[in-house]
């Protein structure tokens, strides 16, 4: 993971891309994410979980789960994961249509968040 896409949802219904931060190691990443969460009064953090095509965990999935555990512990904000399969592909399609490559990871993050919000409304995520 070389970049981390950040997205927000103000009303819990519509996700929007915010920014992309470069991976600077877990400690610095958590500090940056905590700053963003404080600034925007975030109540829940949704992290994309990279699963394989069959929906099974990968070595990167386990790394992300460890990161999420530390993030929740250090931020005091609940952290949940949401399947991020195909979010980058969907983001690339969106970027291709809009010609805006700068926000690729933020757009992918907003797609992961949007999928989580939809499932939460349908009662699949709690």
C-alpha atoms as a PDB file:
ATOM      1  CA  UNK A   1       0.000   0.000   0.000  1.00  0.00           C
ATOM      2  CA  UNK A   2       1.857   3.065  -1.226  1.00  0.00           C
ATOM      3  CA  UNK A   3      -1.063   5.496  -0.956  1.00  0.00           C
ATOM      4  CA  UNK A   4      -4.112   5.770   1.261  1.00  0.00           C
ATOM      5  CA  UNK A   5      -7.295   7.218  -0.180  1.00  0.00           C
ATOM      6  CA  UNK A   6      -9.432   9.223   2.222  1.00  0.00           C
ATOM      7  CA  UNK A   7     -13.167   9.771   1.745  1.00  0.00           C
ATOM      8  CA  UNK A   8     -15.857  11.282   3.953  1.00  0.00           C
ATOM      9  CA  UNK A   9     -19.577  11.023   4.394  1.00  0.00           C
ATOM     10  CA  UNK A  10     -21.194  13.941   6.177  1.00  0.00           C
ATOM     11  CA  UNK A  11     -24.733  12.590   6.398  1.00  0.00           C
ATOM     12  CA  UNK A  12     -23.958   8.883   6.363  1.00  0.00           C
ATOM     13  CA  UNK A  13     -25.508   8.525   2.931  1.00  0.00           C
ATOM     14  CA  UNK A  14     -23.154   9.825   0.255  1.00  0.00           C
ATOM     15  CA  UNK A  15     -19.398   9.270   0.184  1.00  0.00           C
ATOM     16  CA  UNK A  16     -17.071  11.812  -1.390  1.00  0.00           C
ATOM     17  CA  UNK A  17     -13.324  11.709  -2.015  1.00  0.00           C
ATOM     18  CA  UNK A  18     -11.260  13.978   0.241  1.00  0.00           C
ATOM     19  CA  UNK A  19      -7.549  13.387  -0.382  1.00  0.00           C
ATOM     20  CA  UNK A  20      -4.744  10.877  -0.796  1.00  0.00           C
ATOM     21  CA  UNK A  21      -1.932  10.490   1.694  1.00  0.00           C
ATOM     22  CA  UNK A  22       1.356   8.792   0.912  1.00  0.00           C
ATOM     23  CA  UNK A  23       2.204   5.788   3.049  1.00  0.00           C
ATOM     24  CA  UNK A  24       4.767   6.930   5.605  1.00  0.00           C
ATOM     25  CA  UNK A  25       4.582   3.915   7.888  1.00  0.00           C
ATOM     26  CA  UNK A  26       1.888   2.880  10.336  1.00  0.00           C
ATOM     27  CA  UNK A  27       2.750   5.371  13.099  1.00  0.00           C
ATOM     28  CA  UNK A  28       2.751   8.416  10.797  1.00  0.00           C
ATOM     29  CA  UNK A  29      -0.262   7.185   8.825  1.00  0.00           C
ATOM     30  CA  UNK A  30      -2.246   6.795  12.042  1.00  0.00           C
ATOM     31  CA  UNK A  31      -1.211  10.274  13.188  1.00  0.00           C
ATOM     32  CA  UNK A  32      -2.356  11.801   9.879  1.00  0.00           C
ATOM     33  CA  UNK A  33      -5.629   9.882   9.924  1.00  0.00           C
ATOM     34  CA  UNK A  34      -6.244  10.972  13.538  1.00  0.00           C
ATOM     35  CA  UNK A  35      -5.764  14.617  12.490  1.00  0.00           C
ATOM     36  CA  UNK A  36      -8.259  14.208   9.649  1.00  0.00           C
ATOM     37  CA  UNK A  37     -10.730  12.468  11.961  1.00  0.00           C
ATOM     38  CA  UNK A  38     -10.459  15.256  14.536  1.00  0.00           C
ATOM     39  CA  UNK A  39     -10.869  17.981  11.921  1.00  0.00           C
ATOM     40  CA  UNK A  40     -13.973  16.385  10.409  1.00  0.00           C
ATOM     41  CA  UNK A  41     -15.384  14.905  13.657  1.00  0.00           C
ATOM     42  CA  UNK A  42     -15.357  11.361  12.275  1.00  0.00           C
ATOM     43  CA  UNK A  43     -17.456   8.866  14.252  1.00  0.00           C
ATOM     44  CA  UNK A  44     -16.546   5.647  12.396  1.00  0.00           C
ATOM     45  CA  UNK A  45     -13.557   4.782  10.224  1.00  0.00           C
ATOM     46  CA  UNK A  46     -14.125   2.409   7.293  1.00  0.00           C
ATOM     47  CA  UNK A  47     -11.004   0.716   5.928  1.00  0.00           C
ATOM     48  CA  UNK A  48     -10.990  -1.109   2.622  1.00  0.00           C
ATOM     49  CA  UNK A  49     -10.153  -4.776   3.040  1.00  0.00           C
ATOM     50  CA  UNK A  50      -8.337  -6.341   0.076  1.00  0.00           C
ATOM     51  CA  UNK A  51      -9.856  -9.743  -0.548  1.00  0.00           C
ATOM     52  CA  UNK A  52      -9.131 -12.118  -3.408  1.00  0.00           C
ATOM     53  CA  UNK A  53     -11.600 -12.687  -6.265  1.00  0.00           C
ATOM     54  CA  UNK A  54     -13.385 -15.364  -4.216  1.00  0.00           C
ATOM     55  CA  UNK A  55     -13.791 -13.062  -1.202  1.00  0.00           C
ATOM     56  CA  UNK A  56     -11.088 -14.759   0.872  1.00  0.00           C
ATOM     57  CA  UNK A  57      -8.453 -13.023   2.986  1.00  0.00           C
ATOM     58  CA  UNK A  58      -5.003 -12.378   1.535  1.00  0.00           C
ATOM     59  CA  UNK A  59      -1.681 -11.605   3.265  1.00  0.00           C
ATOM     60  CA  UNK A  60      -2.447  -7.899   2.675  1.00  0.00           C
ATOM     61  CA  UNK A  61      -5.863  -8.396   4.325  1.00  0.00           C
ATOM     62  CA  UNK A  62      -4.129  -9.487   7.522  1.00  0.00           C
ATOM     63  CA  UNK A  63      -1.776  -6.500   7.366  1.00  0.00           C
ATOM     64  CA  UNK A  64      -4.754  -4.141   6.970  1.00  0.00           C
ATOM     65  CA  UNK A  65      -6.581  -5.817   9.869  1.00  0.00           C
ATOM     66  CA  UNK A  66      -3.539  -5.258  12.120  1.00  0.00           C
ATOM     67  CA  UNK A  67      -3.388  -1.627  10.972  1.00  0.00           C
ATOM     68  CA  UNK A  68      -7.122  -1.214  11.717  1.00  0.00           C
ATOM     69  CA  UNK A  69      -6.657  -2.647  15.211  1.00  0.00           C
ATOM     70  CA  UNK A  70      -3.870  -0.141  15.941  1.00  0.00           C
ATOM     71  CA  UNK A  71      -5.822   2.720  14.362  1.00  0.00           C
ATOM     72  CA  UNK A  72      -8.866   2.010  16.534  1.00  0.00           C
ATOM     73  CA  UNK A  73      -6.712   1.650  19.644  1.00  0.00           C
ATOM     74  CA  UNK A  74      -4.852   4.912  19.045  1.00  0.00           C
ATOM     75  CA  UNK A  75      -7.741   6.993  17.724  1.00  0.00           C
ATOM     76  CA  UNK A  76     -10.494   5.804  20.040  1.00  0.00           C
ATOM     77  CA  UNK A  77     -12.788   5.725  16.993  1.00  0.00           C
ATOM     78  CA  UNK A  78     -14.507   2.491  15.927  1.00  0.00           C
ATOM     79  CA  UNK A  79     -12.891   0.993  12.824  1.00  0.00           C
ATOM     80  CA  UNK A  80     -14.756  -1.364  10.503  1.00  0.00           C
ATOM     81  CA  UNK A  81     -13.613  -2.990   7.278  1.00  0.00           C
ATOM     82  CA  UNK A  82     -15.431  -3.204   3.977  1.00  0.00           C
ATOM     83  CA  UNK A  83     -14.610  -5.284   0.920  1.00  0.00           C
ATOM     84  CA  UNK A  84     -12.554  -3.171  -1.474  1.00  0.00           C
ATOM     85  CA  UNK A  85     -12.447  -5.644  -4.352  1.00  0.00           C
ATOM     86  CA  UNK A  86     -12.814  -3.861  -7.666  1.00  0.00           C
ATOM     87  CA  UNK A  87     -12.916  -0.371  -6.077  1.00  0.00           C
ATOM     88  CA  UNK A  88      -9.691   0.623  -7.850  1.00  0.00           C
ATOM     89  CA  UNK A  89     -11.046  -0.662 -11.172  1.00  0.00           C
ATOM     90  CA  UNK A  90     -14.277   1.288 -10.677  1.00  0.00           C
ATOM     91  CA  UNK A  91     -12.234   4.349  -9.693  1.00  0.00           C
ATOM     92  CA  UNK A  92     -10.060   3.971 -12.806  1.00  0.00           C
ATOM     93  CA  UNK A  93     -13.196   3.855 -14.959  1.00  0.00           C
ATOM     94  CA  UNK A  94     -14.472   7.012 -13.259  1.00  0.00           C
ATOM     95  CA  UNK A  95     -11.099   8.761 -13.649  1.00  0.00           C
ATOM     96  CA  UNK A  96     -10.947   7.779 -17.328  1.00  0.00           C
ATOM     97  CA  UNK A  97     -14.345   9.402 -17.860  1.00  0.00           C
ATOM     98  CA  UNK A  98     -13.511  12.565 -15.897  1.00  0.00           C
ATOM     99  CA  UNK A  99      -9.823  12.815 -16.881  1.00  0.00           C
ATOM    100  CA  UNK A 100      -8.810  13.503 -13.249  1.00  0.00           C
ATOM    101  CA  UNK A 101      -6.060  11.064 -12.193  1.00  0.00           C
ATOM    102  CA  UNK A 102      -4.937  12.983  -9.095  1.00  0.00           C
ATOM    103  CA  UNK A 103      -7.711  11.607  -6.907  1.00  0.00           C
ATOM    104  CA  UNK A 104      -7.642   7.947  -7.979  1.00  0.00           C
ATOM    105  CA  UNK A 105      -7.119   6.524  -4.475  1.00  0.00           C
ATOM    106  CA  UNK A 106      -9.535   9.010  -2.901  1.00  0.00           C
ATOM    107  CA  UNK A 107     -12.196   8.049  -5.440  1.00  0.00           C
ATOM    108  CA  UNK A 108     -11.544   4.368  -4.693  1.00  0.00           C
ATOM    109  CA  UNK A 109     -11.900   5.142  -0.963  1.00  0.00           C
ATOM    110  CA  UNK A 110     -15.192   6.907  -1.593  1.00  0.00           C
ATOM    111  CA  UNK A 111     -16.453   3.840  -3.485  1.00  0.00           C
ATOM    112  CA  UNK A 112     -15.513   1.551  -0.578  1.00  0.00           C
ATOM    113  CA  UNK A 113     -17.244   3.922   1.857  1.00  0.00           C
ATOM    114  CA  UNK A 114     -20.312   4.213  -0.369  1.00  0.00           C
ATOM    115  CA  UNK A 115     -20.630   0.423  -0.580  1.00  0.00           C
ATOM    116  CA  UNK A 116     -20.361   0.224   3.225  1.00  0.00           C
ATOM    117  CA  UNK A 117     -23.052   2.903   3.654  1.00  0.00           C
ATOM    118  CA  UNK A 118     -25.408   1.090   1.285  1.00  0.00           C
ATOM    119  CA  UNK A 119     -24.908  -2.233   3.083  1.00  0.00           C
ATOM    120  CA  UNK A 120     -25.367  -0.547   6.469  1.00  0.00           C
ATOM    121  CA  UNK A 121     -28.674   0.905   5.324  1.00  0.00           C
ATOM    122  CA  UNK A 122     -29.701  -2.563   4.156  1.00  0.00           C
ATOM    123  CA  UNK A 123     -28.711  -4.022   7.522  1.00  0.00           C
ATOM    124  CA  UNK A 124     -25.708  -6.043   6.295  1.00  0.00           C
ATOM    125  CA  UNK A 125     -23.035  -4.055   8.220  1.00  0.00           C
ATOM    126  CA  UNK A 126     -23.464  -3.057  11.821  1.00  0.00           C
END
